[in-house]
N, C-alpha and C. Protein backbone atom coordinates (compact mmCIF):
# COMPACT_ATOMS: atom_id res chain seq x y z
N UNK A 1 -7.38 12.05 -9.36
CA UNK A 1 -5.94 10.91 -9.54
C UNK A 1 -6.70 10.13 -8.89
N UNK A 2 -6.14 8.75 -9.25
CA UNK A 2 -6.96 7.37 -9.05
C UNK A 2 -5.25 6.67 -8.75
N UNK A 3 -6.41 6.17 -7.42
CA UNK A 3 -5.11 4.91 -6.74
C UNK A 3 -4.81 3.45 -7.96
N UNK A 4 -4.08 3.51 -7.51
CA UNK A 4 -3.17 2.68 -8.34
C UNK A 4 -3.08 1.13 -7.48
N UNK A 5 -4.22 0.90 -6.32
CA UNK A 5 -4.07 0.07 -5.80
C UNK A 5 -5.86 -0.81 -5.83
N UNK A 6 -6.44 0.54 -5.70
CA UNK A 6 -8.32 0.49 -4.80
C UNK A 6 -8.44 1.27 -6.45
N UNK A 7 -7.87 1.54 -7.32
CA UNK A 7 -8.55 1.99 -8.23
C UNK A 7 -9.69 3.37 -8.03
N UNK A 8 -9.99 4.03 -7.10
CA UNK A 8 -10.74 5.07 -6.65
C UNK A 8 -9.96 5.96 -7.41
N UNK A 9 -11.14 7.53 -7.74
CA UNK A 9 -10.78 8.79 -7.79
C UNK A 9 -10.06 9.18 -6.74
N UNK A 10 -9.67 10.02 -6.18
CA UNK A 10 -8.47 10.31 -4.95
C UNK A 10 -8.50 12.16 -4.81
N UNK A 11 -8.61 13.08 -3.97
CA UNK A 11 -8.19 13.87 -3.62
C UNK A 11 -7.17 14.56 -3.81
N UNK A 12 -6.19 13.01 -3.21
CA UNK A 12 -5.25 12.98 -2.39
C UNK A 12 -4.42 12.12 -2.77
N UNK A 13 -2.90 12.06 -3.14
CA UNK A 13 -2.61 10.35 -3.08
C UNK A 13 -1.26 10.48 -2.26
N UNK A 14 -0.56 9.33 -1.59
CA UNK A 14 0.80 9.39 -1.24
C UNK A 14 1.11 8.04 -2.11
N UNK A 15 2.62 8.44 -1.90
CA UNK A 15 3.75 7.69 -2.56
C UNK A 15 4.30 6.62 -1.50
N UNK A 16 4.57 5.24 -2.29
CA UNK A 16 4.27 4.43 -1.57
C UNK A 16 5.57 3.56 -2.31
N UNK A 17 6.70 3.39 -1.66
CA UNK A 17 8.15 2.30 -2.09
C UNK A 17 7.52 1.08 -2.20
N UNK A 18 7.84 0.41 -3.32
CA UNK A 18 7.57 -0.87 -3.47
C UNK A 18 8.31 -1.84 -3.01
N UNK A 19 9.99 -1.19 -2.29
CA UNK A 19 10.72 -1.96 -1.71
C UNK A 19 11.33 -0.74 -0.69
N UNK A 20 10.76 -1.17 0.77
CA UNK A 20 10.81 -0.30 2.35
C UNK A 20 11.90 0.24 1.66
N UNK A 21 11.91 1.59 2.14
CA UNK A 21 13.46 2.33 2.06
C UNK A 21 14.43 2.15 2.95
N UNK A 22 13.46 1.42 4.47
CA UNK A 22 14.63 1.03 5.44
C UNK A 22 15.25 -0.01 4.80
N UNK A 23 15.24 -1.16 4.14
CA UNK A 23 15.52 -2.42 3.26
C UNK A 23 16.60 -1.61 2.78
N UNK A 24 17.10 -0.30 2.10
CA UNK A 24 17.81 -0.40 1.06
C UNK A 24 18.72 0.92 1.66
N UNK A 25 18.27 1.70 2.95
CA UNK A 25 19.01 2.87 3.18
C UNK A 25 20.49 2.67 3.89
N UNK A 26 21.18 1.67 5.17
CA UNK A 26 22.12 1.30 4.82
C UNK A 26 22.82 0.73 3.66
N UNK A 27 22.63 0.40 2.51
CA UNK A 27 23.27 -0.46 1.32
C UNK A 27 23.91 1.03 0.39
N UNK A 28 22.49 2.28 1.47
CA UNK A 28 22.44 3.03 -0.11
C UNK A 28 22.40 3.00 -1.42
N UNK A 29 21.43 2.36 -1.72
CA UNK A 29 20.91 1.58 -3.17
C UNK A 29 19.70 2.72 -3.28
N UNK A 30 19.57 2.66 -4.38
CA UNK A 30 18.47 3.05 -5.00
C UNK A 30 17.16 2.60 -4.37
N UNK A 31 16.06 2.93 -3.96
CA UNK A 31 14.96 2.83 -3.48
C UNK A 31 14.59 2.32 -4.54
N UNK A 32 14.47 2.27 -5.57
CA UNK A 32 13.37 1.76 -6.69
C UNK A 32 12.10 2.64 -6.51
N UNK A 33 11.15 1.24 -7.52
CA UNK A 33 10.06 2.08 -7.98
C UNK A 33 9.21 2.55 -7.16
N UNK A 34 8.33 3.13 -7.00
CA UNK A 34 7.24 3.48 -6.17
C UNK A 34 5.92 3.76 -6.62
N UNK A 35 4.94 3.48 -5.96
CA UNK A 35 3.76 3.67 -6.88
C UNK A 35 2.53 5.62 -5.74
N UNK A 36 1.85 5.30 -6.53
CA UNK A 36 0.59 6.43 -6.39
C UNK A 36 -0.24 6.02 -5.39
N UNK A 37 -0.49 6.09 -4.30
CA UNK A 37 -2.15 5.30 -3.93
C UNK A 37 -2.67 6.35 -2.64
N UNK A 38 -3.73 5.68 -2.66
CA UNK A 38 -4.89 6.40 -1.72
C UNK A 38 -3.65 5.86 -0.02
N UNK A 39 -4.36 7.22 0.87
CA UNK A 39 -3.95 6.78 2.09
C UNK A 39 -4.30 6.34 3.16
N UNK A 40 -5.70 5.43 2.72
CA UNK A 40 -6.10 4.68 3.28
C UNK A 40 -5.70 2.84 3.00
N UNK A 41 -5.12 3.02 1.85
CA UNK A 41 -4.35 1.67 1.42
C UNK A 41 -3.04 1.77 2.37
N UNK A 42 -2.21 2.95 1.48
CA UNK A 42 -0.81 3.37 2.28
C UNK A 42 -1.09 2.39 3.89
N UNK A 43 -1.80 3.08 4.77
CA UNK A 43 -2.07 2.79 6.00
C UNK A 43 -2.17 1.36 6.19
N UNK A 44 -3.33 0.78 5.45
CA UNK A 44 -3.31 -0.80 5.97
C UNK A 44 -1.87 -1.78 5.37
N UNK A 45 -1.56 -1.05 4.37
CA UNK A 45 -0.41 -2.08 3.99
C UNK A 45 0.91 -2.03 5.02
N UNK A 46 0.95 -0.84 5.75
CA UNK A 46 1.81 -0.76 6.89
C UNK A 46 1.40 -1.45 8.21
N UNK A 47 0.07 -1.26 8.12
CA UNK A 47 -0.55 -1.77 9.64
C UNK A 47 -0.62 -3.70 9.24
N UNK A 48 -0.53 -4.15 8.13
CA UNK A 48 -0.67 -5.56 8.08
C UNK A 48 0.44 -6.49 7.76
N UNK A 49 1.65 -5.47 7.50
CA UNK A 49 3.02 -5.84 6.66
C UNK A 49 4.32 -5.90 7.56
N UNK A 50 4.84 -6.11 7.44
CA UNK A 50 6.60 -5.34 7.98
C UNK A 50 7.32 -5.19 6.71
N UNK A 51 8.15 -4.04 7.29
CA UNK A 51 8.80 -3.75 6.27
C UNK A 51 9.42 -5.17 5.31
N UNK A 52 10.21 -6.11 6.40
CA UNK A 52 11.07 -7.49 5.42
C UNK A 52 9.92 -8.23 4.55
N UNK A 53 8.42 -8.51 5.38
CA UNK A 53 7.79 -9.14 4.50
C UNK A 53 7.31 -8.13 2.94
N UNK A 54 7.50 -6.97 3.03
CA UNK A 54 7.16 -5.50 1.93
C UNK A 54 8.04 -5.90 0.75
N UNK A 55 9.40 -5.79 1.64
CA UNK A 55 10.29 -6.32 0.38
C UNK A 55 10.37 -7.32 0.11
N UNK A 56 10.87 -8.27 0.96
CA UNK A 56 11.00 -9.75 0.59
C UNK A 56 9.78 -10.44 -0.65
N UNK A 57 8.47 -10.16 -0.25
CA UNK A 57 7.11 -10.64 -0.78
C UNK A 57 6.05 -9.75 -1.57
N UNK A 58 6.45 -8.71 -1.39
CA UNK A 58 5.34 -8.38 -1.62
C UNK A 58 5.66 -6.34 -3.12
N UNK A 59 6.65 -6.65 -3.44
CA UNK A 59 7.46 -5.49 -3.65
C UNK A 59 6.88 -5.45 -5.31
N UNK A 60 5.48 -5.37 -5.54
CA UNK A 60 4.85 -5.15 -6.87
C UNK A 60 3.64 -5.05 -6.41
N UNK A 61 2.94 -4.09 -7.47
CA UNK A 61 1.34 -3.68 -7.63
C UNK A 61 0.78 -5.42 -7.49
N UNK A 62 1.11 -6.18 -8.08
CA UNK A 62 0.10 -7.23 -8.57
C UNK A 62 0.36 -8.14 -7.51
N UNK A 63 1.68 -8.18 -6.43
CA UNK A 63 1.56 -9.03 -5.56
C UNK A 63 1.01 -8.40 -4.24
N UNK A 64 0.91 -6.94 -3.96
CA UNK A 64 0.01 -6.21 -3.17
C UNK A 64 -1.59 -7.11 -3.47
N UNK A 65 -1.76 -6.71 -4.75
CA UNK A 65 -3.09 -6.88 -5.20
C UNK A 65 -3.96 -7.99 -5.09
N UNK A 66 -2.78 -9.43 -5.33
CA UNK A 66 -3.33 -10.56 -4.54
C UNK A 66 -3.18 -11.12 -2.83
N UNK A 67 -2.39 -10.30 -2.39
CA UNK A 67 -2.14 -10.97 -1.77
C UNK A 67 -3.12 -11.39 -0.59
N UNK A 68 -4.44 -12.04 0.17
CA UNK A 68 -5.00 -12.27 0.25
C UNK A 68 -5.79 -11.32 1.78
N UNK A 69 -5.19 -11.35 2.64
CA UNK A 69 -5.93 -10.31 3.71
C UNK A 69 -5.36 -8.23 2.98
N UNK A 70 -5.15 -8.36 1.75
CA UNK A 70 -4.93 -7.18 1.24
C UNK A 70 -6.05 -6.60 0.71
N UNK A 71 -6.37 -8.32 -0.43
CA UNK A 71 -7.45 -8.16 -1.19
C UNK A 71 -8.35 -8.22 -0.74
N UNK A 72 -8.49 -8.69 0.25
CA UNK A 72 -10.26 -8.66 1.26
C UNK A 72 -10.24 -7.16 1.88
N UNK A 73 -9.63 -5.84 1.40
CA UNK A 73 -9.52 -5.03 1.95
C UNK A 73 -9.51 -4.10 0.52
N UNK A 74 -8.87 -4.45 -0.55
CA UNK A 74 -9.64 -3.54 -0.90
C UNK A 74 -10.34 -3.57 -1.59
N UNK A 75 -11.04 -5.05 -2.12
CA UNK A 75 -12.49 -5.40 -1.80
C UNK A 75 -13.93 -4.29 -1.42
N UNK A 76 -13.24 -4.43 -0.01
CA UNK A 76 -13.93 -3.18 0.56
C UNK A 76 -13.27 -1.84 0.89
N UNK A 77 -13.27 -1.71 0.45
CA UNK A 77 -12.16 0.35 0.13
C UNK A 77 -13.01 0.23 -0.72
N UNK A 78 -12.69 -0.24 -1.89
CA UNK A 78 -13.24 0.57 -3.48
C UNK A 78 -14.95 0.83 -3.63
N UNK A 79 -15.45 0.51 -2.01
CA UNK A 79 -16.64 0.45 -1.97
C UNK A 79 -17.25 1.67 -1.23
N UNK A 80 -16.01 2.42 -0.78
CA UNK A 80 -16.33 3.33 0.40
C UNK A 80 -15.95 4.94 -0.41
N UNK A 81 -16.43 5.64 0.09
CA UNK A 81 -16.45 7.35 -0.26
C UNK A 81 -14.86 7.56 -0.69
N UNK A 82 -14.53 8.21 -1.08
CA UNK A 82 -12.98 8.74 -1.59
C UNK A 82 -13.09 9.71 -0.32
N UNK A 83 -13.95 10.53 0.06
CA UNK A 83 -13.82 12.03 1.34
C UNK A 83 -14.20 11.18 2.46
N UNK A 84 -14.26 10.35 2.48
CA UNK A 84 -14.37 9.67 4.39
C UNK A 84 -13.32 9.28 5.01
N UNK A 85 -12.85 9.82 5.76
CA UNK A 85 -11.81 8.80 6.29
C UNK A 85 -12.49 7.52 6.78
N UNK A 86 -11.48 6.65 6.77
CA UNK A 86 -12.10 4.99 7.24
C UNK A 86 -10.85 4.56 7.71
N UNK A 87 -11.42 3.42 8.71
CA UNK A 87 -10.16 3.01 10.04
C UNK A 87 -9.37 1.79 9.46
N UNK A 88 -8.50 1.76 9.59
CA UNK A 88 -7.21 0.89 9.19
C UNK A 88 -7.12 0.04 10.39
N UNK A 89 -7.15 -1.00 10.50
CA UNK A 89 -6.93 -2.54 10.43
C UNK A 89 -5.83 -3.58 10.92
N UNK A 90 -5.19 -3.63 12.02
CA UNK A 90 -4.00 -3.75 12.39
C UNK A 90 -4.03 -6.00 12.32
N UNK A 91 -2.55 -6.20 12.14
CA UNK A 91 -2.67 -7.68 12.10
C UNK A 91 -3.22 -8.66 13.41
N UNK A 92 -2.70 -7.32 14.33
CA UNK A 92 -3.05 -7.79 15.94
C UNK A 92 -3.87 -8.23 16.69
């Protein structure tokens, strides 16, 4: 299974909602499309960006890949062993 963001072959993937469920929960709207990504990419997305930022500005694979802070992470993570747990760095 390949992560849709870092393109690494991974033993397991997680589901990421491109529009956070929190943004549509109260409206009982369809949460929209999802992507299959590895845990490090998923953790890094939520460490860097709020759900509001994700819903408004980063709601597609291309937007996420091209966001400068996340793109820097992608360049690094692509070189990492998929079986090794990696540390995620927050925006703080």
